[in-house]
Amino acid sequence: MAGALIPHFANDVGAERIFVGVKEFNCMGARAPFDHPHIYLDMGQDNQILCPYCSTLYIYDPRLKADESDPKNSLVSDAA
């Protein structure tokens, strides 16, 4: 993903799993002020990864675009 912005995802709804259309991203827990350190996660060859801070399970879904997630609105457009 060199040269591209790394998307940030937040789990404001407390979902156990979030389906995403990318394999490299930052998890921030929930949106500020309830966020945890924004941690870079890379699934590599796998199709899922667990955030070590908030235990959200992220699952890659190739049907989703890079700016989509399920539940919707998990992508943070103005991550700091």
N, C-alpha and C. Protein backbone atom coordinates (compact mmCIF):
# COMPACT_ATOMS: atom_id res chain seq x y z
N MET A 1 0.82 -1.19 0.00
CA MET A 1 0.00 0.00 0.00
C MET A 1 0.86 1.25 0.00
N ALA A 2 2.09 1.12 -0.37
CA ALA A 2 2.98 2.28 -0.38
C ALA A 2 2.41 3.38 -1.26
N GLY A 3 2.49 4.60 -0.77
CA GLY A 3 2.00 5.74 -1.52
C GLY A 3 0.53 6.04 -1.29
N ALA A 4 -0.19 5.16 -0.66
CA ALA A 4 -1.61 5.37 -0.40
C ALA A 4 -1.81 5.69 1.07
N LEU A 5 -2.87 6.42 1.35
CA LEU A 5 -3.21 6.68 2.74
C LEU A 5 -3.71 5.40 3.38
N ILE A 6 -3.33 5.18 4.61
CA ILE A 6 -3.76 3.99 5.34
C ILE A 6 -5.11 4.31 5.99
N PRO A 7 -6.16 3.55 5.66
CA PRO A 7 -7.46 3.83 6.27
C PRO A 7 -7.46 3.53 7.76
N HIS A 8 -8.28 4.27 8.48
CA HIS A 8 -8.51 4.05 9.92
C HIS A 8 -9.92 3.51 10.10
N PHE A 9 -10.05 2.51 10.97
CA PHE A 9 -11.37 1.98 11.30
C PHE A 9 -11.60 2.12 12.79
N ALA A 10 -12.85 2.43 13.15
CA ALA A 10 -13.25 2.57 14.55
C ALA A 10 -14.43 1.64 14.81
N ASN A 11 -14.49 1.13 16.02
CA ASN A 11 -15.57 0.23 16.41
C ASN A 11 -16.44 0.90 17.47
N ASP A 12 -17.13 1.95 17.07
CA ASP A 12 -17.99 2.69 18.00
C ASP A 12 -19.17 1.88 18.51
N VAL A 13 -19.63 0.92 17.71
CA VAL A 13 -20.82 0.15 18.09
C VAL A 13 -20.47 -1.07 18.94
N GLY A 14 -19.19 -1.35 19.12
CA GLY A 14 -18.79 -2.49 19.94
C GLY A 14 -19.03 -3.83 19.27
N ALA A 15 -18.94 -3.88 17.95
CA ALA A 15 -19.14 -5.13 17.22
C ALA A 15 -18.00 -6.10 17.52
N GLU A 16 -18.31 -7.39 17.53
CA GLU A 16 -17.26 -8.40 17.74
C GLU A 16 -16.37 -8.50 16.52
N ARG A 17 -16.96 -8.28 15.32
CA ARG A 17 -16.18 -8.36 14.09
C ARG A 17 -16.62 -7.27 13.13
N ILE A 18 -15.65 -6.81 12.34
CA ILE A 18 -15.90 -5.81 11.32
C ILE A 18 -15.35 -6.35 10.01
N PHE A 19 -16.18 -6.34 8.99
CA PHE A 19 -15.76 -6.77 7.66
C PHE A 19 -15.24 -5.55 6.91
N VAL A 20 -14.07 -5.68 6.31
CA VAL A 20 -13.42 -4.56 5.63
C VAL A 20 -12.97 -4.98 4.24
N GLY A 21 -12.78 -4.00 3.37
CA GLY A 21 -12.35 -4.27 2.00
C GLY A 21 -10.87 -4.07 1.77
N VAL A 22 -10.09 -3.98 2.83
CA VAL A 22 -8.63 -3.82 2.75
C VAL A 22 -7.96 -4.78 3.72
N LYS A 23 -6.69 -5.05 3.48
CA LYS A 23 -5.96 -5.94 4.37
C LYS A 23 -4.93 -5.21 5.22
N GLU A 24 -4.73 -3.92 4.95
CA GLU A 24 -3.80 -3.10 5.73
C GLU A 24 -4.55 -1.84 6.17
N PHE A 25 -4.50 -1.55 7.46
CA PHE A 25 -5.27 -0.41 7.98
C PHE A 25 -4.83 -0.12 9.41
N ASN A 26 -5.37 0.92 9.98
CA ASN A 26 -5.16 1.26 11.38
C ASN A 26 -6.46 1.04 12.14
N CYS A 27 -6.36 0.40 13.29
CA CYS A 27 -7.48 0.29 14.21
C CYS A 27 -7.28 1.34 15.29
N MET A 28 -8.34 2.04 15.59
CA MET A 28 -8.26 3.07 16.64
C MET A 28 -9.23 2.80 17.78
N GLY A 29 -9.80 1.61 17.82
CA GLY A 29 -10.76 1.29 18.88
C GLY A 29 -12.08 1.96 18.58
N ALA A 30 -12.38 3.00 19.30
CA ALA A 30 -13.55 3.84 19.04
C ALA A 30 -13.04 5.22 18.67
N ARG A 31 -13.94 6.08 18.25
CA ARG A 31 -13.53 7.45 17.93
C ARG A 31 -13.18 8.20 19.21
N ALA A 32 -12.32 9.20 19.06
CA ALA A 32 -11.90 10.03 20.20
C ALA A 32 -13.12 10.60 20.91
N PRO A 33 -13.11 10.68 22.21
CA PRO A 33 -11.98 10.50 23.12
C PRO A 33 -11.83 9.08 23.66
N PHE A 34 -12.51 8.12 23.07
CA PHE A 34 -12.49 6.75 23.57
C PHE A 34 -11.57 5.84 22.77
N ASP A 35 -10.69 6.43 21.96
CA ASP A 35 -9.81 5.63 21.12
C ASP A 35 -8.63 5.06 21.91
N HIS A 36 -8.02 4.04 21.32
CA HIS A 36 -6.77 3.50 21.87
C HIS A 36 -5.67 3.93 20.90
N PRO A 37 -4.40 3.66 21.20
CA PRO A 37 -3.36 4.02 20.24
C PRO A 37 -3.71 3.46 18.86
N HIS A 38 -3.57 4.27 17.85
CA HIS A 38 -3.91 3.85 16.49
C HIS A 38 -2.84 2.88 16.02
N ILE A 39 -3.23 1.62 15.90
CA ILE A 39 -2.28 0.54 15.62
C ILE A 39 -2.45 0.05 14.19
N TYR A 40 -1.31 -0.06 13.50
CA TYR A 40 -1.28 -0.56 12.13
C TYR A 40 -1.45 -2.08 12.16
N LEU A 41 -2.39 -2.56 11.37
CA LEU A 41 -2.63 -4.00 11.26
C LEU A 41 -2.49 -4.42 9.81
N ASP A 42 -1.82 -5.53 9.57
CA ASP A 42 -1.59 -6.05 8.22
C ASP A 42 -1.95 -7.54 8.24
N MET A 43 -2.96 -7.92 7.49
CA MET A 43 -3.41 -9.32 7.45
C MET A 43 -2.44 -10.21 6.68
N GLY A 44 -1.62 -9.62 5.82
CA GLY A 44 -0.72 -10.44 5.01
C GLY A 44 -1.50 -11.43 4.17
N GLN A 45 -1.15 -12.70 4.24
CA GLN A 45 -1.82 -13.74 3.47
C GLN A 45 -3.13 -14.21 4.11
N ASP A 46 -3.35 -13.82 5.37
CA ASP A 46 -4.57 -14.22 6.07
C ASP A 46 -5.74 -13.36 5.65
N ASN A 47 -6.93 -13.76 6.05
CA ASN A 47 -8.14 -13.00 5.74
C ASN A 47 -8.78 -12.41 6.99
N GLN A 48 -8.08 -12.47 8.11
CA GLN A 48 -8.61 -11.87 9.34
C GLN A 48 -7.46 -11.54 10.27
N ILE A 49 -7.74 -10.59 11.17
CA ILE A 49 -6.73 -10.20 12.16
C ILE A 49 -7.46 -9.65 13.38
N LEU A 50 -6.90 -9.90 14.55
CA LEU A 50 -7.48 -9.45 15.81
C LEU A 50 -6.67 -8.27 16.33
N CYS A 51 -7.36 -7.18 16.68
CA CYS A 51 -6.66 -6.03 17.25
C CYS A 51 -6.22 -6.39 18.67
N PRO A 52 -4.92 -6.24 18.98
CA PRO A 52 -4.45 -6.59 20.32
C PRO A 52 -4.91 -5.62 21.41
N TYR A 53 -5.41 -4.45 21.05
CA TYR A 53 -5.89 -3.50 22.05
C TYR A 53 -7.36 -3.70 22.39
N CYS A 54 -8.22 -3.74 21.37
CA CYS A 54 -9.67 -3.76 21.64
C CYS A 54 -10.32 -5.10 21.32
N SER A 55 -9.55 -6.05 20.81
CA SER A 55 -10.02 -7.39 20.48
C SER A 55 -11.09 -7.42 19.39
N THR A 56 -11.16 -6.39 18.57
CA THR A 56 -12.06 -6.42 17.42
C THR A 56 -11.44 -7.35 16.38
N LEU A 57 -12.26 -8.24 15.86
CA LEU A 57 -11.81 -9.15 14.80
C LEU A 57 -12.16 -8.49 13.47
N TYR A 58 -11.14 -8.21 12.67
CA TYR A 58 -11.33 -7.64 11.33
C TYR A 58 -11.24 -8.77 10.33
N ILE A 59 -12.22 -8.83 9.43
CA ILE A 59 -12.28 -9.89 8.43
C ILE A 59 -12.31 -9.24 7.05
N TYR A 60 -11.41 -9.67 6.18
CA TYR A 60 -11.35 -9.17 4.82
C TYR A 60 -12.50 -9.74 4.01
N ASP A 61 -13.25 -8.86 3.34
CA ASP A 61 -14.33 -9.27 2.46
C ASP A 61 -14.06 -8.65 1.09
N PRO A 62 -13.64 -9.45 0.11
CA PRO A 62 -13.28 -8.91 -1.20
C PRO A 62 -14.45 -8.25 -1.94
N ARG A 63 -15.67 -8.47 -1.49
CA ARG A 63 -16.83 -7.82 -2.13
C ARG A 63 -16.94 -6.35 -1.73
N LEU A 64 -16.25 -5.97 -0.63
CA LEU A 64 -16.29 -4.58 -0.17
C LEU A 64 -15.20 -3.77 -0.85
N LYS A 65 -15.49 -2.51 -1.10
CA LYS A 65 -14.50 -1.58 -1.63
C LYS A 65 -13.61 -1.13 -0.48
N ALA A 66 -12.50 -0.47 -0.81
CA ALA A 66 -11.54 -0.03 0.20
C ALA A 66 -12.16 0.96 1.19
N ASP A 67 -13.20 1.66 0.80
CA ASP A 67 -13.83 2.64 1.69
C ASP A 67 -15.16 2.14 2.25
N GLU A 68 -15.34 0.82 2.30
CA GLU A 68 -16.56 0.24 2.83
C GLU A 68 -16.26 -0.68 4.01
N SER A 69 -17.25 -0.85 4.86
CA SER A 69 -17.12 -1.76 5.99
C SER A 69 -18.51 -2.25 6.37
N ASP A 70 -18.54 -3.31 7.13
CA ASP A 70 -19.79 -3.83 7.68
C ASP A 70 -19.50 -4.23 9.13
N PRO A 71 -20.03 -3.52 10.11
CA PRO A 71 -21.07 -2.50 10.02
C PRO A 71 -20.59 -1.23 9.31
N LYS A 72 -21.53 -0.58 8.68
CA LYS A 72 -21.23 0.65 7.95
C LYS A 72 -20.75 1.73 8.91
N ASN A 73 -20.09 2.70 8.38
CA ASN A 73 -19.59 3.86 9.13
C ASN A 73 -18.45 3.53 10.10
N SER A 74 -17.79 2.39 9.88
CA SER A 74 -16.62 2.09 10.71
C SER A 74 -15.37 2.79 10.18
N LEU A 75 -15.39 3.14 8.88
CA LEU A 75 -14.26 3.87 8.31
C LEU A 75 -14.26 5.30 8.84
N VAL A 76 -13.11 5.74 9.32
CA VAL A 76 -12.97 7.10 9.86
C VAL A 76 -12.32 7.94 8.77
N SER A 77 -13.04 8.94 8.28
CA SER A 77 -12.53 9.73 7.16
C SER A 77 -11.57 10.82 7.59
N ASP A 78 -11.64 11.25 8.82
CA ASP A 78 -10.80 12.36 9.27
C ASP A 78 -9.89 11.94 10.43
N ALA A 79 -9.31 10.74 10.32
CA ALA A 79 -8.45 10.23 11.40
C ALA A 79 -7.23 11.13 11.56
N ALA A 80 -6.92 11.40 12.82
CA ALA A 80 -5.77 12.27 13.11
C ALA A 80 -4.55 11.43 13.43
